[in-house]
Amino acid sequence: MKSKKIILLLLSVVVVAGLLWFFLLREKEHQVLLTTESPKMGPISTSVTATGTIQPVDTVTVGTQVSGTISAMYADFNSTVKKGQLLAELDKTLIQATVDQAKANLTQALSNQNYQQANYNRQQQLFETGAISRADFDLAKNTLQVAAANVNSVKAQLKAAEKNLSFTQIYSPIDGVVLGRSVNIGQTVAASFNTPTIFTIAKDITKMQVQAKVDEADIGNVIQGQRATFTVDAFIDDTFNGRVKEIRLQPSIASNVVTYATLIDAPNDDKKLKPGMTANIVIYTKEVPDALLVSAQALKFRPDSSLAKQYQLVPDRSMRNPAGRESKVSKEKGETEEVPVAAVWVLRGQQLVQQKIQTGLNDNTHVEVLSGLKSSDVVVTGAEEASSASTGGTASPFMPKRPGGGGRR
């Protein structure tokens, strides 16, 4: 009986020791979970961001060529005007007096010309009969020519005075909308050195443009005709579309930052856009509407030694440098061009196979795959140790739960 008790005691000790070793002392194998995805078709693009200002496409500044006092105004802010419409008038008193004086001078000059013409005719008859000398005849002829020239001079003065009189009435040179008015009735405008501005007229506010300030680091990728979108603070939920129309070569330097003015067409049929609004602009430098895409994270994934216990790693011996370039014949141009080359790891059963791919556009979220992958491939984007919840243990209620996402294997 004693021997049986001893045997049972020894067996109990062995079982307890085995349980202690299994749960406490045994080195646990940590399972690694792979995050995977399959390449999918979709659009991808690269873009440049900038800020700018909404402007009318055509703006005309209306001024006056003569000095005077504004006596009447027939247009104001936001007025819709037609070409040839009277906008304002200057006081005509002084300029009308100049016209009247020029007319009086012309009458006097014409009278003198008629008198000298009659005198010349008499002197010619006397000269032909030998009653006067050649010198007297030439003097009469010269006096007539001076009188005729004086008439032409006074006519020119009268024409200039009448033209200045017409300048007292200011007309619209185009059809458009008045954006600005710089003077009021009774204000004096002086046109001695430059033409003072009275009105600013936008030709067509249904056709606006955005003057974007593109940084010098990005301007090399911007070309005429590229698609652009922008938003304004007044309509934050609306996205407006346009096209790059012009890239101006003159740089603008502010706080050692060099930018280039880039004009973007902006249709404004609903007249939501107003001059002076600030626009946040995205210019799409390259676009592919239907490309095979893989996450950019897949290009950064590198398997470590922990995965070698679960999967057979099959590296591509030709990929000494996982990031490089190689030649490719362009289907569109028929020319050889350099394209980027990268490597991803593809899960095939219990194997992780390194796969070389040719890449295109990269927007830092997705990468365009030109060759090397199919939509049926399973690409590894990351790896992490399985949590206690994944392996069947009891998870701590104080640990954050893993968010839902891509497939895990």
Protein backbone atom coordinates (compact mmCIF):
# COMPACT_ATOMS: atom_id res chain seq x y z
CA MET A 1 0.00 0.00 0.00
CA LYS A 2 2.81 2.34 0.83
CA SER A 3 4.47 1.74 -2.54
CA LYS A 4 1.23 2.65 -4.33
CA LYS A 5 0.96 5.89 -2.39
CA ILE A 6 4.55 6.75 -3.25
CA ILE A 7 3.93 6.06 -6.94
CA LEU A 8 0.77 8.23 -6.97
CA LEU A 9 2.65 11.02 -5.18
CA LEU A 10 5.49 10.87 -7.71
CA LEU A 11 3.02 10.91 -10.58
CA SER A 12 1.28 13.96 -9.09
CA VAL A 13 4.59 15.78 -8.77
CA VAL A 14 5.48 14.96 -12.38
CA VAL A 15 2.08 16.20 -13.65
CA VAL A 16 2.29 19.43 -11.66
CA ALA A 17 5.87 20.02 -12.84
CA GLY A 18 4.80 19.39 -16.43
CA LEU A 19 1.92 21.83 -16.15
CA LEU A 20 4.19 24.47 -14.60
CA TRP A 21 6.70 24.02 -17.41
CA PHE A 22 4.03 24.11 -20.12
CA PHE A 23 2.31 27.28 -18.89
CA LEU A 24 5.15 29.18 -17.25
CA LEU A 25 8.61 28.03 -18.33
CA ARG A 26 8.07 26.84 -21.91
CA GLU A 27 9.20 29.33 -24.56
CA LYS A 28 6.09 30.27 -26.51
CA GLU A 29 6.12 30.43 -30.26
CA HIS A 30 4.80 33.78 -31.44
CA GLN A 31 2.68 33.57 -34.56
CA VAL A 32 3.12 36.37 -37.10
CA LEU A 33 0.11 37.66 -39.04
CA LEU A 34 0.52 39.08 -42.54
CA THR A 35 -1.47 42.02 -43.84
CA THR A 36 -2.20 41.42 -47.50
CA GLU A 37 -4.12 42.88 -50.40
CA SER A 38 -4.71 42.23 -54.08
CA PRO A 39 -3.86 44.82 -56.75
CA LYS A 40 -6.92 46.64 -57.99
CA MET A 41 -7.82 48.86 -60.92
CA GLY A 42 -8.47 52.55 -60.30
CA PRO A 43 -7.43 56.12 -61.09
CA ILE A 44 -4.16 57.64 -59.88
CA SER A 45 -2.60 61.05 -60.30
CA THR A 46 0.18 63.32 -59.14
CA SER A 47 -0.59 66.93 -58.36
CA VAL A 48 0.74 70.32 -57.30
CA THR A 49 -1.00 72.51 -54.75
CA ALA A 50 -1.00 76.31 -54.72
CA THR A 51 -3.02 79.32 -53.66
CA GLY A 52 -4.25 82.12 -55.89
CA THR A 53 -6.76 84.88 -56.51
CA ILE A 54 -9.91 84.93 -58.64
CA GLN A 55 -9.74 87.57 -61.40
CA PRO A 56 -11.84 88.56 -64.43
CA VAL A 57 -10.29 87.47 -67.72
CA ASP A 58 -10.58 90.92 -69.34
CA THR A 59 -10.58 94.11 -67.29
CA VAL A 60 -10.61 97.63 -68.77
CA THR A 61 -9.71 100.76 -66.85
CA VAL A 62 -11.77 103.77 -67.99
CA GLY A 63 -10.26 107.23 -67.43
CA THR A 64 -10.31 110.75 -68.80
CA GLN A 65 -7.85 112.46 -71.15
CA VAL A 66 -8.76 115.97 -70.03
CA SER A 67 -8.79 117.67 -66.67
CA GLY A 68 -11.97 118.94 -65.11
CA THR A 69 -14.66 118.52 -62.49
CA ILE A 70 -17.06 115.56 -62.55
CA SER A 71 -20.50 117.04 -63.20
CA ALA A 72 -22.58 113.87 -63.66
CA MET A 73 -22.33 110.09 -63.08
CA TYR A 74 -24.49 107.59 -64.94
CA ALA A 75 -23.00 104.28 -63.63
CA ASP A 76 -22.07 102.87 -60.25
CA PHE A 77 -20.67 99.70 -58.69
CA ASN A 78 -22.04 96.47 -60.24
CA SER A 79 -23.77 98.40 -63.06
CA THR A 80 -24.15 96.41 -66.27
CA VAL A 81 -23.06 98.64 -69.15
CA LYS A 82 -22.99 98.39 -72.94
CA LYS A 83 -20.31 99.51 -75.35
CA GLY A 84 -20.78 103.21 -76.13
CA GLN A 85 -22.95 103.87 -73.08
CA LEU A 86 -22.44 107.26 -71.39
CA LEU A 87 -20.86 106.71 -67.97
CA ALA A 88 -19.96 110.20 -66.73
CA GLU A 89 -19.54 113.84 -67.77
CA LEU A 90 -17.02 116.56 -66.93
CA ASP A 91 -17.83 120.24 -66.58
CA LYS A 92 -17.63 121.67 -70.14
CA THR A 93 -17.40 125.38 -69.34
CA LEU A 94 -13.68 125.96 -69.84
CA ILE A 95 -13.27 123.57 -72.77
CA GLN A 96 -16.37 125.04 -74.48
CA ALA A 97 -14.81 128.49 -74.13
CA THR A 98 -11.65 127.17 -75.83
CA VAL A 99 -13.79 125.88 -78.71
CA ASP A 100 -15.58 129.22 -79.06
CA GLN A 101 -12.27 131.06 -79.09
CA ALA A 102 -10.88 128.73 -81.76
CA LYS A 103 -13.98 129.32 -83.91
CA ALA A 104 -13.53 133.10 -83.61
CA ASN A 105 -9.87 132.78 -84.56
CA LEU A 106 -10.85 130.70 -87.57
CA THR A 107 -13.32 133.36 -88.73
CA GLN A 108 -10.63 136.02 -88.42
CA ALA A 109 -8.07 133.89 -90.27
CA LEU A 110 -10.52 133.16 -93.11
CA SER A 111 -11.30 136.89 -93.41
CA ASN A 112 -7.62 137.75 -93.62
CA GLN A 113 -7.10 135.00 -96.19
CA ASN A 114 -9.87 136.43 -98.39
CA TYR A 115 -8.38 139.92 -98.14
CA GLN A 116 -4.89 138.67 -99.03
CA GLN A 117 -6.31 136.69 -101.95
CA ALA A 118 -7.95 139.83 -103.35
CA ASN A 119 -4.77 141.85 -102.81
CA TYR A 120 -2.73 139.16 -104.57
CA ASN A 121 -5.06 139.25 -107.57
CA ARG A 122 -4.64 143.06 -107.87
CA GLN A 123 -0.86 142.87 -107.50
CA GLN A 124 -0.73 140.19 -110.19
CA GLN A 125 -2.61 142.37 -112.68
CA LEU A 126 -0.35 145.36 -111.92
CA PHE A 127 2.75 143.21 -112.25
CA GLU A 128 1.62 141.92 -115.63
CA THR A 129 1.22 145.51 -116.89
CA GLY A 130 4.59 146.51 -115.42
CA ALA A 131 3.09 148.94 -112.91
CA ILE A 132 4.85 147.32 -109.90
CA SER A 133 8.14 145.62 -109.34
CA ARG A 134 8.77 141.92 -108.99
CA ALA A 135 9.52 142.38 -105.27
CA ASP A 136 6.10 143.90 -104.58
CA PHE A 137 4.40 141.01 -106.39
CA ASP A 138 6.40 138.38 -104.45
CA LEU A 139 5.51 140.11 -101.17
CA ALA A 140 1.79 139.89 -101.97
CA LYS A 141 2.15 136.24 -102.92
CA ASN A 142 4.00 135.42 -99.66
CA THR A 143 1.42 137.24 -97.57
CA LEU A 144 -1.36 135.15 -99.16
CA GLN A 145 0.48 131.91 -98.43
CA VAL A 146 1.01 132.92 -94.77
CA ALA A 147 -2.70 133.69 -94.46
CA ALA A 148 -3.64 130.29 -95.89
CA ALA A 149 -1.24 128.54 -93.50
CA ASN A 150 -2.73 130.47 -90.59
CA VAL A 151 -6.18 129.24 -91.56
CA ASN A 152 -4.97 125.61 -91.48
CA SER A 153 -3.34 126.19 -88.08
CA VAL A 154 -6.51 127.63 -86.58
CA LYS A 155 -8.55 124.76 -88.04
CA ALA A 156 -6.24 122.29 -86.29
CA GLN A 157 -6.63 124.16 -83.01
CA LEU A 158 -10.41 124.09 -83.39
CA LYS A 159 -10.34 120.35 -84.13
CA ALA A 160 -8.26 119.70 -81.00
CA ALA A 161 -10.57 121.86 -78.87
CA GLU A 162 -13.66 120.04 -80.17
CA LYS A 163 -11.99 116.68 -79.51
CA ASN A 164 -11.20 117.74 -75.94
CA LEU A 165 -14.82 118.82 -75.61
CA SER A 166 -15.92 115.33 -76.65
CA PHE A 167 -13.61 113.86 -73.98
CA THR A 168 -15.77 115.50 -71.32
CA GLN A 169 -18.30 112.75 -72.04
CA ILE A 170 -16.92 109.37 -70.91
CA TYR A 171 -18.32 106.29 -72.65
CA SER A 172 -17.90 102.57 -71.95
CA PRO A 173 -15.44 100.94 -74.38
CA ILE A 174 -16.86 97.42 -73.86
CA ASP A 175 -19.89 95.48 -72.69
CA GLY A 176 -19.38 94.49 -69.08
CA VAL A 177 -19.93 95.06 -65.38
CA VAL A 178 -18.54 97.97 -63.37
CA LEU A 179 -16.23 96.56 -60.70
CA GLY A 180 -14.97 99.84 -59.31
CA ARG A 181 -15.72 103.59 -59.28
CA SER A 182 -12.90 105.89 -58.16
CA VAL A 183 -14.52 109.36 -58.24
CA ASN A 184 -17.65 111.17 -57.12
CA ILE A 185 -19.67 114.09 -58.51
CA GLY A 186 -17.86 117.37 -57.85
CA GLN A 187 -14.42 115.75 -57.67
CA THR A 188 -11.67 117.28 -59.83
CA VAL A 189 -9.57 114.97 -61.99
CA ALA A 190 -6.21 116.09 -63.36
CA ALA A 191 -4.84 114.52 -66.53
CA SER A 192 -1.58 116.45 -66.75
CA PHE A 193 0.83 113.49 -66.29
CA ASN A 194 -1.28 110.32 -66.40
CA THR A 195 -4.83 109.28 -67.08
CA PRO A 196 -6.85 109.19 -63.84
CA THR A 197 -9.00 106.10 -63.34
CA ILE A 198 -12.73 106.70 -63.09
CA PHE A 199 -14.22 103.21 -63.65
CA THR A 200 -12.92 99.63 -63.76
CA ILE A 201 -15.04 97.40 -65.99
CA ALA A 202 -14.90 93.59 -66.27
CA LYS A 203 -15.76 92.42 -69.76
CA ASP A 204 -17.45 89.12 -68.88
CA ILE A 205 -17.75 87.84 -65.31
CA THR A 206 -19.02 84.45 -66.52
CA LYS A 207 -15.42 83.80 -67.61
CA MET A 208 -13.02 84.17 -64.72
CA GLN A 209 -9.42 83.10 -64.20
CA VAL A 210 -7.32 82.12 -61.20
CA GLN A 211 -3.85 83.58 -60.85
CA ALA A 212 -2.08 80.83 -58.93
CA LYS A 213 1.28 81.23 -57.20
CA VAL A 214 3.19 78.03 -57.95
CA ASP A 215 6.40 77.34 -56.04
CA GLU A 216 9.64 77.08 -57.99
CA ALA A 217 10.07 73.47 -56.84
CA ASP A 218 6.77 72.49 -58.53
CA ILE A 219 6.65 74.74 -61.59
CA GLY A 220 8.74 72.30 -63.66
CA ASN A 221 5.87 69.79 -63.65
CA VAL A 222 3.19 72.30 -64.68
CA ILE A 223 2.42 72.73 -68.38
CA GLN A 224 -0.31 74.41 -70.37
CA GLY A 225 -3.57 72.46 -70.71
CA GLN A 226 -3.35 70.48 -67.47
CA ARG A 227 -6.55 69.95 -65.47
CA ALA A 228 -6.98 71.89 -62.26
CA THR A 229 -9.54 72.05 -59.48
CA PHE A 230 -9.94 74.65 -56.76
CA THR A 231 -12.13 75.67 -53.86
CA VAL A 232 -12.99 79.02 -52.31
CA ASP A 233 -13.92 79.74 -48.71
CA ALA A 234 -17.32 81.15 -49.67
CA PHE A 235 -18.40 77.80 -51.18
CA ILE A 236 -16.27 75.32 -49.29
CA ASP A 237 -18.35 72.30 -50.40
CA ASP A 238 -18.11 73.17 -54.11
CA THR A 239 -15.20 72.15 -56.31
CA PHE A 240 -14.56 74.29 -59.40
CA ASN A 241 -12.78 72.99 -62.49
CA GLY A 242 -10.39 74.70 -64.88
CA ARG A 243 -7.39 74.32 -67.19
CA VAL A 244 -3.91 75.81 -67.05
CA LYS A 245 -3.91 78.61 -69.63
CA GLU A 246 -0.58 80.36 -69.18
CA ILE A 247 2.61 80.14 -67.13
CA ARG A 248 4.26 83.52 -66.80
CA LEU A 249 8.05 83.59 -66.81
CA GLN A 250 8.40 86.59 -64.51
CA PRO A 251 9.18 85.35 -60.98
CA SER A 252 7.76 86.80 -57.81
CA ILE A 253 10.01 86.80 -54.74
CA ALA A 254 8.62 87.24 -51.22
CA SER A 255 10.53 86.29 -48.06
CA ASN A 256 13.10 84.44 -50.22
CA VAL A 257 10.32 82.27 -51.70
CA VAL A 258 10.17 82.25 -55.50
CA THR A 259 6.81 81.67 -57.15
CA TYR A 260 5.53 81.91 -60.71
CA ALA A 261 2.14 83.26 -61.74
CA THR A 262 0.08 80.53 -63.42
CA LEU A 263 -3.26 81.45 -64.99
CA ILE A 264 -6.10 78.93 -64.84
CA ASP A 265 -9.34 79.31 -66.77
CA ALA A 266 -12.40 79.18 -64.52
CA PRO A 267 -15.88 79.08 -66.08
CA ASN A 268 -18.33 81.05 -63.93
CA ASP A 269 -21.72 80.52 -65.55
CA ASP A 270 -23.53 80.59 -62.20
CA LYS A 271 -21.56 83.73 -61.17
CA LYS A 272 -20.58 82.26 -57.81
CA LEU A 273 -16.95 83.28 -58.23
CA LYS A 274 -16.24 86.92 -57.46
CA PRO A 275 -13.09 88.94 -58.16
CA GLY A 276 -10.58 88.87 -55.33
CA MET A 277 -11.62 85.54 -53.78
CA THR A 278 -8.79 83.35 -52.50
CA ALA A 279 -8.60 79.95 -54.19
CA ASN A 280 -6.95 76.74 -52.96
CA ILE A 281 -5.78 75.05 -56.14
CA VAL A 282 -4.77 71.53 -57.14
CA ILE A 283 -3.07 71.16 -60.53
CA TYR A 284 -2.96 67.57 -61.81
CA THR A 285 0.44 67.17 -63.44
CA LYS A 286 -0.07 63.52 -64.47
CA GLU A 287 -3.19 61.35 -64.53
CA VAL A 288 -3.94 57.72 -65.32
CA PRO A 289 -7.70 57.01 -65.21
CA ASP A 290 -7.49 53.20 -65.17
CA ALA A 291 -4.31 51.77 -63.67
CA LEU A 292 -3.37 48.62 -61.71
CA LEU A 293 -2.72 49.90 -58.19
CA VAL A 294 -0.99 48.55 -55.12
CA SER A 295 -0.49 50.23 -51.76
CA ALA A 296 2.72 52.22 -51.39
CA GLN A 297 3.27 50.36 -48.11
CA ALA A 298 3.83 47.14 -50.07
CA LEU A 299 7.04 48.55 -51.56
CA LYS A 300 8.41 49.21 -48.06
CA PHE A 301 7.71 45.74 -46.64
CA ARG A 302 10.76 43.57 -45.90
CA PRO A 303 10.34 40.10 -44.27
CA ASP A 304 12.40 39.44 -41.12
CA SER A 305 13.70 36.27 -39.51
CA SER A 306 10.47 35.64 -37.58
CA LEU A 307 8.64 34.93 -40.84
CA ALA A 308 11.18 32.30 -41.86
CA LYS A 309 9.69 29.93 -39.23
CA GLN A 310 6.24 30.08 -40.84
CA TYR A 311 6.97 30.75 -44.51
CA GLN A 312 9.58 29.84 -47.04
CA LEU A 313 11.25 33.05 -48.25
CA VAL A 314 12.05 33.07 -51.98
CA PRO A 315 14.07 36.20 -52.85
CA ASP A 316 14.61 37.40 -56.40
CA ARG A 317 18.35 37.09 -56.99
CA SER A 318 18.26 39.67 -59.78
CA MET A 319 16.98 42.34 -57.36
CA ARG A 320 20.25 43.44 -55.79
CA ASN A 321 18.84 46.90 -55.37
CA PRO A 322 15.10 46.84 -54.59
CA ALA A 323 14.68 50.36 -55.98
CA GLY A 324 16.17 51.34 -59.35
CA ARG A 325 15.35 51.99 -62.99
CA GLU A 326 15.32 49.95 -66.17
CA SER A 327 14.53 50.50 -69.83
CA LYS A 328 11.08 50.07 -71.33
CA VAL A 329 9.76 50.63 -74.85
CA SER A 330 6.88 53.12 -74.81
CA LYS A 331 3.83 51.89 -76.72
CA GLU A 332 2.66 55.42 -77.43
CA LYS A 333 5.93 56.96 -78.63
CA GLY A 334 7.76 53.80 -79.72
CA GLU A 335 10.84 55.02 -77.87
CA THR A 336 12.90 53.51 -75.07
CA GLU A 337 12.43 55.22 -71.74
CA GLU A 338 13.61 54.67 -68.18
CA VAL A 339 10.97 53.48 -65.69
CA PRO A 340 11.30 52.92 -61.91
CA VAL A 341 11.72 49.36 -60.66
CA ALA A 342 10.75 48.15 -57.19
CA ALA A 343 10.11 44.87 -55.36
CA VAL A 344 7.11 43.50 -53.48
CA TRP A 345 6.53 40.20 -51.66
CA VAL A 346 3.75 37.95 -52.94
CA LEU A 347 2.15 35.24 -50.78
CA ARG A 348 1.84 31.91 -52.61
CA GLY A 349 0.70 29.20 -50.23
CA GLN A 350 3.44 28.88 -47.61
CA GLN A 351 5.93 30.81 -49.70
CA LEU A 352 6.79 34.49 -49.69
CA VAL A 353 8.11 35.26 -53.17
CA GLN A 354 9.93 38.49 -53.95
CA GLN A 355 8.50 39.95 -57.17
CA LYS A 356 10.10 42.67 -59.31
CA ILE A 357 7.65 45.23 -60.68
CA GLN A 358 7.86 48.27 -62.93
CA THR A 359 6.11 51.25 -61.37
CA GLY A 360 4.55 54.42 -62.74
CA LEU A 361 2.82 57.17 -60.82
CA ASN A 362 3.15 57.30 -57.04
CA ASP A 363 0.86 59.50 -54.95
CA ASN A 364 2.40 58.25 -51.67
CA THR A 365 -0.74 56.21 -50.98
CA HIS A 366 -0.91 53.99 -54.05
CA VAL A 367 1.58 53.07 -56.77
CA GLU A 368 0.81 52.34 -60.39
CA VAL A 369 2.05 48.90 -61.46
CA LEU A 370 3.14 48.80 -65.10
CA SER A 371 4.24 45.16 -65.10
CA GLY A 372 5.08 42.32 -62.74
CA LEU A 373 1.74 41.80 -60.96
CA LYS A 374 -1.77 40.57 -61.70
CA SER A 375 -5.01 41.43 -59.96
CA SER A 376 -5.16 37.87 -58.62
CA ASP A 377 -1.83 38.12 -56.77
CA VAL A 378 -1.78 38.42 -52.97
CA VAL A 379 0.68 41.15 -52.04
CA VAL A 380 2.03 41.50 -48.50
CA THR A 381 1.87 45.03 -47.08
CA GLY A 382 2.93 44.35 -43.47
CA ALA A 383 3.45 41.85 -40.66
CA GLU A 384 2.86 41.86 -36.93
CA GLU A 385 2.74 39.40 -34.05
CA ALA A 386 -0.64 37.87 -33.32
CA SER A 387 -2.33 39.28 -30.23
CA SER A 388 -3.71 37.11 -27.49
CA ALA A 389 -7.14 37.59 -29.01
CA SER A 390 -5.91 36.20 -32.32
CA THR A 391 -4.41 33.08 -30.72
CA GLY A 392 -7.44 32.24 -28.57
CA GLY A 393 -6.26 33.69 -25.25
CA THR A 394 -8.14 36.14 -23.09
CA ALA A 395 -7.51 39.72 -24.15
CA SER A 396 -7.12 42.45 -21.55
CA PRO A 397 -10.18 44.75 -21.45
CA PHE A 398 -7.81 47.73 -21.05
CA MET A 399 -5.94 47.14 -24.34
CA PRO A 400 -7.21 49.00 -27.45
CA LYS A 401 -8.88 46.83 -30.05
CA ARG A 402 -7.40 46.49 -33.53
CA PRO A 403 -9.32 48.50 -36.18
CA GLY A 404 -10.78 46.66 -39.13
CA GLY A 405 -8.69 46.76 -42.32
CA GLY A 406 -7.04 44.67 -44.99
CA GLY A 407 -6.87 40.92 -45.03
CA ARG A 408 -4.67 39.11 -42.48
CA ARG A 409 -3.14 35.69 -42.85
